[in-house]
PDB file of N, CA and C in Angstrom:
ATOM      1  N   MET A   1      94.059 113.093  93.790  1.00  0.00           N
ATOM      2  CA  MET A   1      94.149 114.554  94.103  1.00  0.00           C
ATOM      3  C   MET A   1      95.712 114.861  93.347  1.00  0.00           C
ATOM      4  N   ASN A   2      95.619 115.996  92.333  1.00  0.00           N
ATOM      5  CA  ASN A   2      96.736 116.080  91.696  1.00  0.00           C
ATOM      6  C   ASN A   2      97.519 117.213  92.638  1.00  0.00           C
ATOM      7  N   ILE A   3      98.478 116.500  92.695  1.00  0.00           N
ATOM      8  CA  ILE A   3      99.459 117.319  93.876  1.00  0.00           C
ATOM      9  C   ILE A   3     100.213 118.355  93.076  1.00  0.00           C
ATOM     10  N   ASN A   4     100.352 118.342  91.797  1.00  0.00           N
ATOM     11  CA  ASN A   4     100.883 119.950  91.251  1.00  0.00           C
ATOM     12  C   ASN A   4      99.957 121.046  91.597  1.00  0.00           C
ATOM     13  N   GLN A   5      98.939 121.042  91.590  1.00  0.00           N
ATOM     14  CA  GLN A   5      97.619 121.851  91.880  1.00  0.00           C
ATOM     15  C   GLN A   5      97.743 122.221  93.213  1.00  0.00           C
ATOM     16  N   LEU A   6      98.742 122.029  94.294  1.00  0.00           N
ATOM     17  CA  LEU A   6      98.703 122.333  95.564  1.00  0.00           C
ATOM     18  C   LEU A   6      99.817 123.220  95.585  1.00  0.00           C
ATOM     19  N   SER A   7      99.534 124.115  96.538  1.00  0.00           N
ATOM     20  CA  SER A   7     100.625 125.202  96.921  1.00  0.00           C
ATOM     21  C   SER A   7     101.798 124.682  97.415  1.00  0.00           C
ATOM     22  N   ASP A   8     102.702 125.198  97.825  1.00  0.00           N
ATOM     23  CA  ASP A   8     104.461 124.384  98.294  1.00  0.00           C
ATOM     24  C   ASP A   8     104.091 124.132  99.538  1.00  0.00           C
ATOM     25  N   LYS A   9     103.203 125.044 100.397  1.00  0.00           N
ATOM     26  CA  LYS A   9     102.612 124.633 101.747  1.00  0.00           C
ATOM     27  C   LYS A   9     101.756 123.346 101.726  1.00  0.00           C
ATOM     28  N   GLU A  10     100.958 123.313 100.798  1.00  0.00           N
ATOM     29  CA  GLU A  10     100.237 121.817 100.764  1.00  0.00           C
ATOM     30  C   GLU A  10     101.049 120.726 100.121  1.00  0.00           C
ATOM     31  N   GLN A  11     101.501 120.615  99.233  1.00  0.00           N
ATOM     32  CA  GLN A  11     102.654 119.909  98.714  1.00  0.00           C
ATOM     33  C   GLN A  11     103.484 119.134 100.021  1.00  0.00           C
ATOM     34  N   GLU A  12     104.084 120.156 100.949  1.00  0.00           N
ATOM     35  CA  GLU A  12     104.853 120.167 102.035  1.00  0.00           C
ATOM     36  C   GLU A  12     103.902 118.939 102.890  1.00  0.00           C
ATOM     37  N   ILE A  13     102.544 119.221 103.259  1.00  0.00           N
ATOM     38  CA  ILE A  13     101.830 118.830 103.990  1.00  0.00           C
ATOM     39  C   ILE A  13     101.889 116.878 103.529  1.00  0.00           C
ATOM     40  N   PHE A  14     101.410 117.121 102.368  1.00  0.00           N
ATOM     41  CA  PHE A  14     100.580 115.780 101.525  1.00  0.00           C
ATOM     42  C   PHE A  14     102.024 115.239 101.925  1.00  0.00           C
ATOM     43  N   GLU A  15     103.376 115.804 101.325  1.00  0.00           N
ATOM     44  CA  GLU A  15     104.719 114.793 101.535  1.00  0.00           C
ATOM     45  C   GLU A  15     104.904 114.031 103.281  1.00  0.00           C
ATOM     46  N   LEU A  16     104.685 115.152 103.887  1.00  0.00           N
ATOM     47  CA  LEU A  16     104.542 114.795 105.461  1.00  0.00           C
ATOM     48  C   LEU A  16     103.741 113.672 105.887  1.00  0.00           C
ATOM     49  N   LEU A  17     102.527 113.737 105.274  1.00  0.00           N
ATOM     50  CA  LEU A  17     101.560 112.523 105.519  1.00  0.00           C
ATOM     51  C   LEU A  17     102.247 111.238 104.916  1.00  0.00           C
ATOM     52  N   LYS A  18     102.737 110.965 104.159  1.00  0.00           N
ATOM     53  CA  LYS A  18     103.781 109.776 103.992  1.00  0.00           C
ATOM     54  C   LYS A  18     104.146 108.966 105.069  1.00  0.00           C
ATOM     55  N   GLU A  19     104.441 110.028 106.261  1.00  0.00           N
ATOM     56  CA  GLU A  19     104.947 109.178 107.514  1.00  0.00           C
ATOM     57  C   GLU A  19     103.949 108.432 107.917  1.00  0.00           C
ATOM     58  N   VAL A  20     102.539 108.692 107.903  1.00  0.00           N
ATOM     59  CA  VAL A  20     101.415 107.984 108.202  1.00  0.00           C
ATOM     60  C   VAL A  20     101.239 106.270 107.701  1.00  0.00           C
ATOM     61  N   MET A  21     101.101 105.390 108.627  1.00  0.00           N
ATOM     62  CA  MET A  21     101.197 104.121 108.065  1.00  0.00           C
ATOM     63  C   MET A  21      99.823 103.878 108.526  1.00  0.00           C
ATOM     64  N   ASP A  22      99.194 102.819 107.452  1.00  0.00           N
ATOM     65  CA  ASP A  22      98.249 101.766 107.909  1.00  0.00           C
ATOM     66  C   ASP A  22      98.601 101.160 108.440  1.00  0.00           C
ATOM     67  N   PRO A  23      98.526 100.820 109.645  1.00  0.00           N
ATOM     68  CA  PRO A  23      99.114  99.576 110.404  1.00  0.00           C
ATOM     69  C   PRO A  23      99.033  98.167 109.813  1.00  0.00           C
ATOM     70  N   GLU A  24      97.842  97.962 109.201  1.00  0.00           N
ATOM     71  CA  GLU A  24      97.010  96.714 108.562  1.00  0.00           C
ATOM     72  C   GLU A  24      98.430  96.035 107.482  1.00  0.00           C
ATOM     73  N   VAL A  25      98.451  96.764 106.960  1.00  0.00           N
ATOM     74  CA  VAL A  25      99.241  96.602 105.404  1.00  0.00           C
ATOM     75  C   VAL A  25     100.607  97.420 105.652  1.00  0.00           C
ATOM     76  N   ALA A  26     101.097  98.308 106.639  1.00  0.00           N
ATOM     77  CA  ALA A  26     102.220  98.687 106.386  1.00  0.00           C
ATOM     78  C   ALA A  26     102.890  99.387 105.238  1.00  0.00           C
ATOM     79  N   VAL A  27     101.649 100.150 105.049  1.00  0.00           N
ATOM     80  CA  VAL A  27     101.905 101.396 103.701  1.00  0.00           C
ATOM     81  C   VAL A  27     101.152 102.540 104.121  1.00  0.00           C
ATOM     82  N   ASN A  28     102.159 103.592 103.159  1.00  0.00           N
ATOM     83  CA  ASN A  28     101.573 104.844 103.902  1.00  0.00           C
ATOM     84  C   ASN A  28     100.173 105.049 103.224  1.00  0.00           C
ATOM     85  N   ILE A  29      99.680 106.149 104.174  1.00  0.00           N
ATOM     86  CA  ILE A  29      98.014 106.531 103.621  1.00  0.00           C
ATOM     87  C   ILE A  29      98.226 107.279 102.487  1.00  0.00           C
ATOM     88  N   VAL A  30      99.157 107.987 101.626  1.00  0.00           N
ATOM     89  CA  VAL A  30      99.233 108.806 100.522  1.00  0.00           C
ATOM     90  C   VAL A  30      99.377 107.700  99.486  1.00  0.00           C
ATOM     91  N   ASP A  31     100.400 106.438  99.364  1.00  0.00           N
ATOM     92  CA  ASP A  31     100.209 105.826  98.663  1.00  0.00           C
ATOM     93  C   ASP A  31      99.476 104.682  98.626  1.00  0.00           C
ATOM     94  N   LEU A  32      98.432 104.661  99.746  1.00  0.00           N
ATOM     95  CA  LEU A  32      97.231 103.778  99.518  1.00  0.00           C
ATOM     96  C   LEU A  32      96.106 104.556  99.011  1.00  0.00           C
ATOM     97  N   GLY A  33      96.361 105.798  98.606  1.00  0.00           N
ATOM     98  CA  GLY A  33      95.469 106.723  97.884  1.00  0.00           C
ATOM     99  C   GLY A  33      94.190 107.240  98.646  1.00  0.00           C
ATOM    100  N   LEU A  34      94.439 107.045 100.135  1.00  0.00           N
ATOM    101  CA  LEU A  34      93.408 107.446 100.920  1.00  0.00           C
ATOM    102  C   LEU A  34      93.457 109.538 101.674  1.00  0.00           C
ATOM    103  N   ILE A  35      94.237 109.822 101.137  1.00  0.00           N
ATOM    104  CA  ILE A  35      94.201 111.613 100.961  1.00  0.00           C
ATOM    105  C   ILE A  35      93.746 112.161 100.075  1.00  0.00           C
ATOM    106  N   TYR A  36      92.402 112.649  99.937  1.00  0.00           N
ATOM    107  CA  TYR A  36      91.715 113.372  98.827  1.00  0.00           C
ATOM    108  C   TYR A  36      91.975 114.863  98.749  1.00  0.00           C
ATOM    109  N   GLU A  37      92.018 115.306 100.040  1.00  0.00           N
ATOM    110  CA  GLU A  37      92.481 117.017 100.048  1.00  0.00           C
ATOM    111  C   GLU A  37      93.230 117.587 101.024  1.00  0.00           C
ATOM    112  N   VAL A  38      94.257 118.363 100.688  1.00  0.00           N
ATOM    113  CA  VAL A  38      95.022 118.856 101.833  1.00  0.00           C
ATOM    114  C   VAL A  38      94.747 120.873 101.619  1.00  0.00           C
ATOM    115  N   HIS A  39      94.185 121.109 102.635  1.00  0.00           N
ATOM    116  CA  HIS A  39      94.073 122.808 102.318  1.00  0.00           C
ATOM    117  C   HIS A  39      94.887 123.613 103.553  1.00  0.00           C
ATOM    118  N   TYR A  40      95.755 124.196 103.188  1.00  0.00           N
ATOM    119  CA  TYR A  40      96.729 125.315 104.354  1.00  0.00           C
ATOM    120  C   TYR A  40      96.153 126.527 104.293  1.00  0.00           C
ATOM    121  N   SER A  41      96.269 127.516 105.154  1.00  0.00           N
ATOM    122  CA  SER A  41      95.743 128.665 105.261  1.00  0.00           C
ATOM    123  C   SER A  41      97.183 129.176 106.271  1.00  0.00           C
ATOM    124  N   GLU A  42      97.175 130.572 106.792  1.00  0.00           N
ATOM    125  CA  GLU A  42      98.261 130.860 107.724  1.00  0.00           C
ATOM    126  C   GLU A  42      97.988 130.404 109.224  1.00  0.00           C
ATOM    127  N   THR A  43      96.440 130.136 109.474  1.00  0.00           N
ATOM    128  CA  THR A  43      96.341 129.771 110.733  1.00  0.00           C
ATOM    129  C   THR A  43      95.397 127.949 110.763  1.00  0.00           C
ATOM    130  N   LYS A  44      95.069 127.604 109.773  1.00  0.00           N
ATOM    131  CA  LYS A  44      94.441 126.310 109.520  1.00  0.00           C
ATOM    132  C   LYS A  44      94.925 125.442 108.500  1.00  0.00           C
ATOM    133  N   ILE A  45      95.153 124.323 109.041  1.00  0.00           N
ATOM    134  CA  ILE A  45      95.075 123.232 107.866  1.00  0.00           C
ATOM    135  C   ILE A  45      94.201 122.082 107.739  1.00  0.00           C
ATOM    136  N   HIS A  46      93.463 121.662 106.994  1.00  0.00           N
ATOM    137  CA  HIS A  46      92.305 120.887 106.790  1.00  0.00           C
ATOM    138  C   HIS A  46      92.486 119.596 105.687  1.00  0.00           C
ATOM    139  N   VAL A  47      92.330 118.502 106.376  1.00  0.00           N
ATOM    140  CA  VAL A  47      92.604 116.878 105.495  1.00  0.00           C
ATOM    141  C   VAL A  47      91.465 116.322 105.257  1.00  0.00           C
ATOM    142  N   VAL A  48      91.374 116.449 103.833  1.00  0.00           N
ATOM    143  CA  VAL A  48      90.277 115.424 103.821  1.00  0.00           C
ATOM    144  C   VAL A  48      90.531 114.086 103.098  1.00  0.00           C
ATOM    145  N   THR A  49      90.064 112.670 103.992  1.00  0.00           N
ATOM    146  CA  THR A  49      91.072 111.539 103.875  1.00  0.00           C
ATOM    147  C   THR A  49      89.959 110.616 104.011  1.00  0.00           C
ATOM    148  N   THR A  50      89.634 109.379 103.608  1.00  0.00           N
ATOM    149  CA  THR A  50      88.893 108.190 103.824  1.00  0.00           C
ATOM    150  C   THR A  50      89.638 106.906 104.343  1.00  0.00           C
ATOM    151  N   LEU A  51      88.995 106.066 104.529  1.00  0.00           N
ATOM    152  CA  LEU A  51      89.724 104.597 105.081  1.00  0.00           C
ATOM    153  C   LEU A  51      89.559 103.758 104.052  1.00  0.00           C
ATOM    154  N   SER A  52      89.786 102.849 103.937  1.00  0.00           N
ATOM    155  CA  SER A  52      90.024 101.714 102.928  1.00  0.00           C
ATOM    156  C   SER A  52      88.229 100.934 103.008  1.00  0.00           C
ATOM    157  N   SER A  53      88.134 100.848 104.171  1.00  0.00           N
ATOM    158  CA  SER A  53      86.732 100.549 104.448  1.00  0.00           C
ATOM    159  C   SER A  53      86.138 101.172 105.720  1.00  0.00           C
ATOM    160  N   ARG A  54      84.833 100.837 106.013  1.00  0.00           N
ATOM    161  CA  ARG A  54      84.109 101.643 106.848  1.00  0.00           C
ATOM    162  C   ARG A  54      84.046 100.832 107.990  1.00  0.00           C
ATOM    163  N   GLY A  55      84.434  99.422 108.056  1.00  0.00           N
ATOM    164  CA  GLY A  55      84.681  98.796 109.377  1.00  0.00           C
ATOM    165  C   GLY A  55      86.024  98.798 109.657  1.00  0.00           C
ATOM    166  N   CYS A  56      87.032 100.102 108.985  1.00  0.00           N
ATOM    167  CA  CYS A  56      88.478  99.586 109.259  1.00  0.00           C
ATOM    168  C   CYS A  56      88.678 100.089 110.985  1.00  0.00           C
ATOM    169  N   PRO A  57      89.405  98.696 111.422  1.00  0.00           N
ATOM    170  CA  PRO A  57      89.451  98.748 113.120  1.00  0.00           C
ATOM    171  C   PRO A  57      90.371  99.605 113.415  1.00  0.00           C
ATOM    172  N   LEU A  58      91.415 100.459 112.677  1.00  0.00           N
ATOM    173  CA  LEU A  58      92.390 101.334 113.179  1.00  0.00           C
ATOM    174  C   LEU A  58      91.925 102.467 112.581  1.00  0.00           C
ATOM    175  N   GLY A  59      90.773 102.756 112.073  1.00  0.00           N
ATOM    176  CA  GLY A  59      90.420 103.932 111.460  1.00  0.00           C
ATOM    177  C   GLY A  59      91.035 104.773 112.251  1.00  0.00           C
ATOM    178  N   ASP A  60      90.562 104.825 113.835  1.00  0.00           N
ATOM    179  CA  ASP A  60      90.522 106.073 114.425  1.00  0.00           C
ATOM    180  C   ASP A  60      92.242 106.667 114.878  1.00  0.00           C
ATOM    181  N   THR A  61      92.881 105.438 114.761  1.00  0.00           N
ATOM    182  CA  THR A  61      94.413 105.121 115.095  1.00  0.00           C
ATOM    183  C   THR A  61      94.842 106.199 113.995  1.00  0.00           C
ATOM    184  N   ILE A  62      94.448 105.771 112.577  1.00  0.00           N
ATOM    185  CA  ILE A  62      95.180 106.554 111.426  1.00  0.00           C
ATOM    186  C   ILE A  62      94.448 108.019 111.361  1.00  0.00           C
ATOM    187  N   LEU A  63      93.227 108.494 111.823  1.00  0.00           N
ATOM    188  CA  LEU A  63      92.995 109.685 112.164  1.00  0.00           C
ATOM    189  C   LEU A  63      93.697 110.551 113.022  1.00  0.00           C
ATOM    190  N   ARG A  64      94.331 109.944 113.629  1.00  0.00           N
ATOM    191  CA  ARG A  64      94.606 110.465 115.072  1.00  0.00           C
ATOM    192  C   ARG A  64      96.212 111.117 114.427  1.00  0.00           C
ATOM    193  N   ASN A  65      96.919 109.673 114.037  1.00  0.00           N
ATOM    194  CA  ASN A  65      98.245 110.100 113.514  1.00  0.00           C
ATOM    195  C   ASN A  65      98.426 111.251 112.559  1.00  0.00           C
ATOM    196  N   ILE A  66      97.358 111.421 111.664  1.00  0.00           N
ATOM    197  CA  ILE A  66      97.409 112.095 110.719  1.00  0.00           C
ATOM    198  C   ILE A  66      97.631 113.614 111.379  1.00  0.00           C
ATOM    199  N   GLU A  67      96.492 113.973 112.335  1.00  0.00           N
ATOM    200  CA  GLU A  67      96.673 115.152 113.577  1.00  0.00           C
ATOM    201  C   GLU A  67      97.875 115.385 113.984  1.00  0.00           C
ATOM    202  N   VAL A  68      98.249 114.029 114.416  1.00  0.00           N
ATOM    203  CA  VAL A  68      99.706 114.473 115.312  1.00  0.00           C
ATOM    204  C   VAL A  68     100.884 114.638 114.716  1.00  0.00           C
ATOM    205  N   ILE A  69     101.109 114.165 113.486  1.00  0.00           N
ATOM    206  CA  ILE A  69     102.063 114.639 112.353  1.00  0.00           C
ATOM    207  C   ILE A  69     101.495 115.568 111.652  1.00  0.00           C
ATOM    208  N   ILE A  70     100.959 116.320 111.549  1.00  0.00           N
ATOM    209  CA  ILE A  70     100.720 117.819 111.329  1.00  0.00           C
ATOM    210  C   ILE A  70     100.824 118.499 112.273  1.00  0.00           C
ATOM    211  N   GLU A  71     100.474 118.353 113.486  1.00  0.00           N
ATOM    212  CA  GLU A  71     100.539 119.100 114.417  1.00  0.00           C
ATOM    213  C   GLU A  71     101.957 119.587 115.083  1.00  0.00           C
ATOM    214  N   THR A  72     103.059 118.495 114.790  1.00  0.00           N
ATOM    215  CA  THR A  72     103.989 118.452 115.405  1.00  0.00           C
ATOM    216  C   THR A  72     104.720 119.422 114.233  1.00  0.00           C
ATOM    217  N   GLN A  73     104.722 119.285 113.210  1.00  0.00           N
ATOM    218  CA  GLN A  73     105.410 120.484 112.370  1.00  0.00           C
ATOM    219  C   GLN A  73     104.655 121.643 112.180  1.00  0.00           C
ATOM    220  N   TYR A  74     103.436 121.509 112.915  1.00  0.00           N
ATOM    221  CA  TYR A  74     102.582 123.054 112.204  1.00  0.00           C
ATOM    222  C   TYR A  74     101.841 123.289 113.838  1.00  0.00           C
ATOM    223  N   PRO A  75     102.668 123.473 115.172  1.00  0.00           N
ATOM    224  CA  PRO A  75     102.055 123.548 116.186  1.00  0.00           C
ATOM    225  C   PRO A  75     101.300 124.681 116.486  1.00  0.00           C
ATOM    226  N   SER A  76     101.511 126.216 115.572  1.00  0.00           N
ATOM    227  CA  SER A  76     100.634 126.950 115.847  1.00  0.00           C
ATOM    228  C   SER A  76      99.164 127.167 115.022  1.00  0.00           C
ATOM    229  N   HIS A  77      99.272 126.105 114.345  1.00  0.00           N
ATOM    230  CA  HIS A  77      98.118 125.731 113.224  1.00  0.00           C
ATOM    231  C   HIS A  77      97.035 124.984 113.685  1.00  0.00           C
ATOM    232  N   GLU A  78      95.722 125.207 113.695  1.00  0.00           N
ATOM    233  CA  GLU A  78      94.667 124.754 113.930  1.00  0.00           C
ATOM    234  C   GLU A  78      94.484 123.607 112.899  1.00  0.00           C
ATOM    235  N   VAL A  79      94.739 122.447 113.281  1.00  0.00           N
ATOM    236  CA  VAL A  79      94.217 121.089 112.374  1.00  0.00           C
ATOM    237  C   VAL A  79      93.037 120.629 112.400  1.00  0.00           C
ATOM    238  N   THR A  80      92.202 120.320 111.330  1.00  0.00           N
ATOM    239  CA  THR A  80      91.002 119.326 111.492  1.00  0.00           C
ATOM    240  C   THR A  80      91.151 118.174 110.288  1.00  0.00           C
ATOM    241  N   VAL A  81      90.957 117.224 110.634  1.00  0.00           N
ATOM    242  CA  VAL A  81      90.604 116.142 109.728  1.00  0.00           C
ATOM    243  C   VAL A  81      89.347 115.744 109.710  1.00  0.00           C
ATOM    244  N   GLU A  82      88.962 115.642 108.032  1.00  0.00           N
ATOM    245  CA  GLU A  82      87.698 115.334 107.884  1.00  0.00           C
ATOM    246  C   GLU A  82      87.440 113.871 107.262  1.00  0.00           C
ATOM    247  N   LEU A  83      86.821 112.863 107.552  1.00  0.00           N
ATOM    248  CA  LEU A  83      86.633 111.841 107.132  1.00  0.00           C
ATOM    249  C   LEU A  83      85.411 111.834 105.726  1.00  0.00           C
ATOM    250  N   THR A  84      85.400 111.233 104.997  1.00  0.00           N
ATOM    251  CA  THR A  84      84.755 111.067 103.840  1.00  0.00           C
ATOM    252  C   THR A  84      84.853 109.943 103.461  1.00  0.00           C
ATOM    253  N   TRP A  85      83.271 109.388 102.974  1.00  0.00           N
ATOM    254  CA  TRP A  85      83.197 108.304 101.863  1.00  0.00           C
ATOM    255  C   TRP A  85      82.743 108.567 100.748  1.00  0.00           C
ATOM    256  N   GLU A  86      82.960 109.526 100.417  1.00  0.00           N
ATOM    257  CA  GLU A  86      82.786 110.015  99.082  1.00  0.00           C
ATOM    258  C   GLU A  86      84.077 110.934  97.998  1.00  0.00           C
ATOM    259  N   PRO A  87      84.553 110.007  96.967  1.00  0.00           N
ATOM    260  CA  PRO A  87      84.207 108.603  96.767  1.00  0.00           C
ATOM    261  C   PRO A  87      84.613 107.908  97.432  1.00  0.00           C
ATOM    262  N   GLU A  88      83.976 106.631  97.495  1.00  0.00           N
ATOM    263  CA  GLU A  88      84.687 105.372  97.894  1.00  0.00           C
ATOM    264  C   GLU A  88      85.695 105.174  97.546  1.00  0.00           C
ATOM    265  N   TRP A  89      86.574 104.571  98.536  1.00  0.00           N
ATOM    266  CA  TRP A  89      88.080 104.052  98.260  1.00  0.00           C
ATOM    267  C   TRP A  89      88.042 103.058  97.477  1.00  0.00           C
ATOM    268  N   THR A  90      89.023 102.642  96.394  1.00  0.00           N
ATOM    269  CA  THR A  90      88.856 101.618  95.909  1.00  0.00           C
ATOM    270  C   THR A  90      90.407 101.704  95.559  1.00  0.00           C
ATOM    271  N   PRO A  91      90.861  99.937  95.187  1.00  0.00           N
ATOM    272  CA  PRO A  91      92.287  99.695  95.042  1.00  0.00           C
ATOM    273  C   PRO A  91      92.922 100.198  94.328  1.00  0.00           C
ATOM    274  N   GLU A  92      92.000 101.005  93.036  1.00  0.00           N
ATOM    275  CA  GLU A  92      92.757 101.692  91.654  1.00  0.00           C
ATOM    276  C   GLU A  92      93.355 103.214  92.554  1.00  0.00           C
ATOM    277  N   PHE A  93      93.115 103.443  93.642  1.00  0.00           N
ATOM    278  CA  PHE A  93      93.715 104.717  93.967  1.00  0.00           C
ATOM    279  C   PHE A  93      95.046 104.689  94.589  1.00  0.00           C
ATOM    280  N   ILE A  94      95.507 103.399  94.699  1.00  0.00           N
ATOM    281  CA  ILE A  94      96.716 102.987  95.098  1.00  0.00           C
ATOM    282  C   ILE A  94      97.858 103.485  94.397  1.00  0.00           C
ATOM    283  N   THR A  95      98.828 104.050  94.698  1.00  0.00           N
ATOM    284  CA  THR A  95      99.678 104.894  93.618  1.00  0.00           C
ATOM    285  C   THR A  95     100.868 103.565  93.188  1.00  0.00           C
ATOM    286  N   ASP A  96     101.520 103.624  92.475  1.00  0.00           N
ATOM    287  CA  ASP A  96     102.412 102.745  91.842  1.00  0.00           C
ATOM    288  C   ASP A  96     103.301 102.035  92.661  1.00  0.00           C
ATOM    289  N   ALA A  97     103.849 103.426  93.795  1.00  0.00           N
ATOM    290  CA  ALA A  97     104.446 102.911  94.790  1.00  0.00           C
ATOM    291  C   ALA A  97     103.859 102.459  95.756  1.00  0.00           C
ATOM    292  N   GLY A  98     103.051 102.604  96.223  1.00  0.00           N
ATOM    293  CA  GLY A  98     102.039 101.524  97.092  1.00  0.00           C
ATOM    294  C   GLY A  98     101.738 100.319  96.495  1.00  0.00           C
ATOM    295  N   ARG A  99     101.550  99.904  95.443  1.00  0.00           N
ATOM    296  CA  ARG A  99     101.446  98.619  94.550  1.00  0.00           C
ATOM    297  C   ARG A  99     102.924  97.846  94.939  1.00  0.00           C
ATOM    298  N   ALA A 100     103.850  98.686  94.666  1.00  0.00           N
ATOM    299  CA  ALA A 100     105.111  98.201  95.024  1.00  0.00           C
ATOM    300  C   ALA A 100     105.633  97.677  96.607  1.00  0.00           C
ATOM    301  N   ALA A 101     105.143  98.560  97.320  1.00  0.00           N
ATOM    302  CA  ALA A 101     105.269  98.265  98.265  1.00  0.00           C
ATOM    303  C   ALA A 101     104.134  97.032  99.160  1.00  0.00           C
ATOM    304  N   LEU A 102     103.195  96.889  98.387  1.00  0.00           N
ATOM    305  CA  LEU A 102     102.106  95.497  98.783  1.00  0.00           C
ATOM    306  C   LEU A 102     102.986  94.682  98.478  1.00  0.00           C
ATOM    307  N   ASN A 103     103.726  94.353  97.487  1.00  0.00           N
ATOM    308  CA  ASN A 103     103.795  93.216  96.668  1.00  0.00           C
ATOM    309  C   ASN A 103     105.203  92.834  97.298  1.00  0.00           C
TER     310      ASN A 103
END
């Protein structure tokens, strides 16, 4: 996802999502490359995300944490989190900051 193509509000939400950690590796989901899209409107926020594997044991926790962190900042918005498997996540999606945190 190219953050420069996002609106100011979408960039703000994208940055907010850095507070959501993948508990298995203690790196945020943005730097792991798990956030594919962020959409903001006056009443709704929609996030398209993936997990590092289909069998991720903490996937439900991560998805719920995305909802909670956004709902906390935007309580009047309807928040939806869409889980997708396309494109399939690979380690190449990890940002430089994520790689540094993993080492």
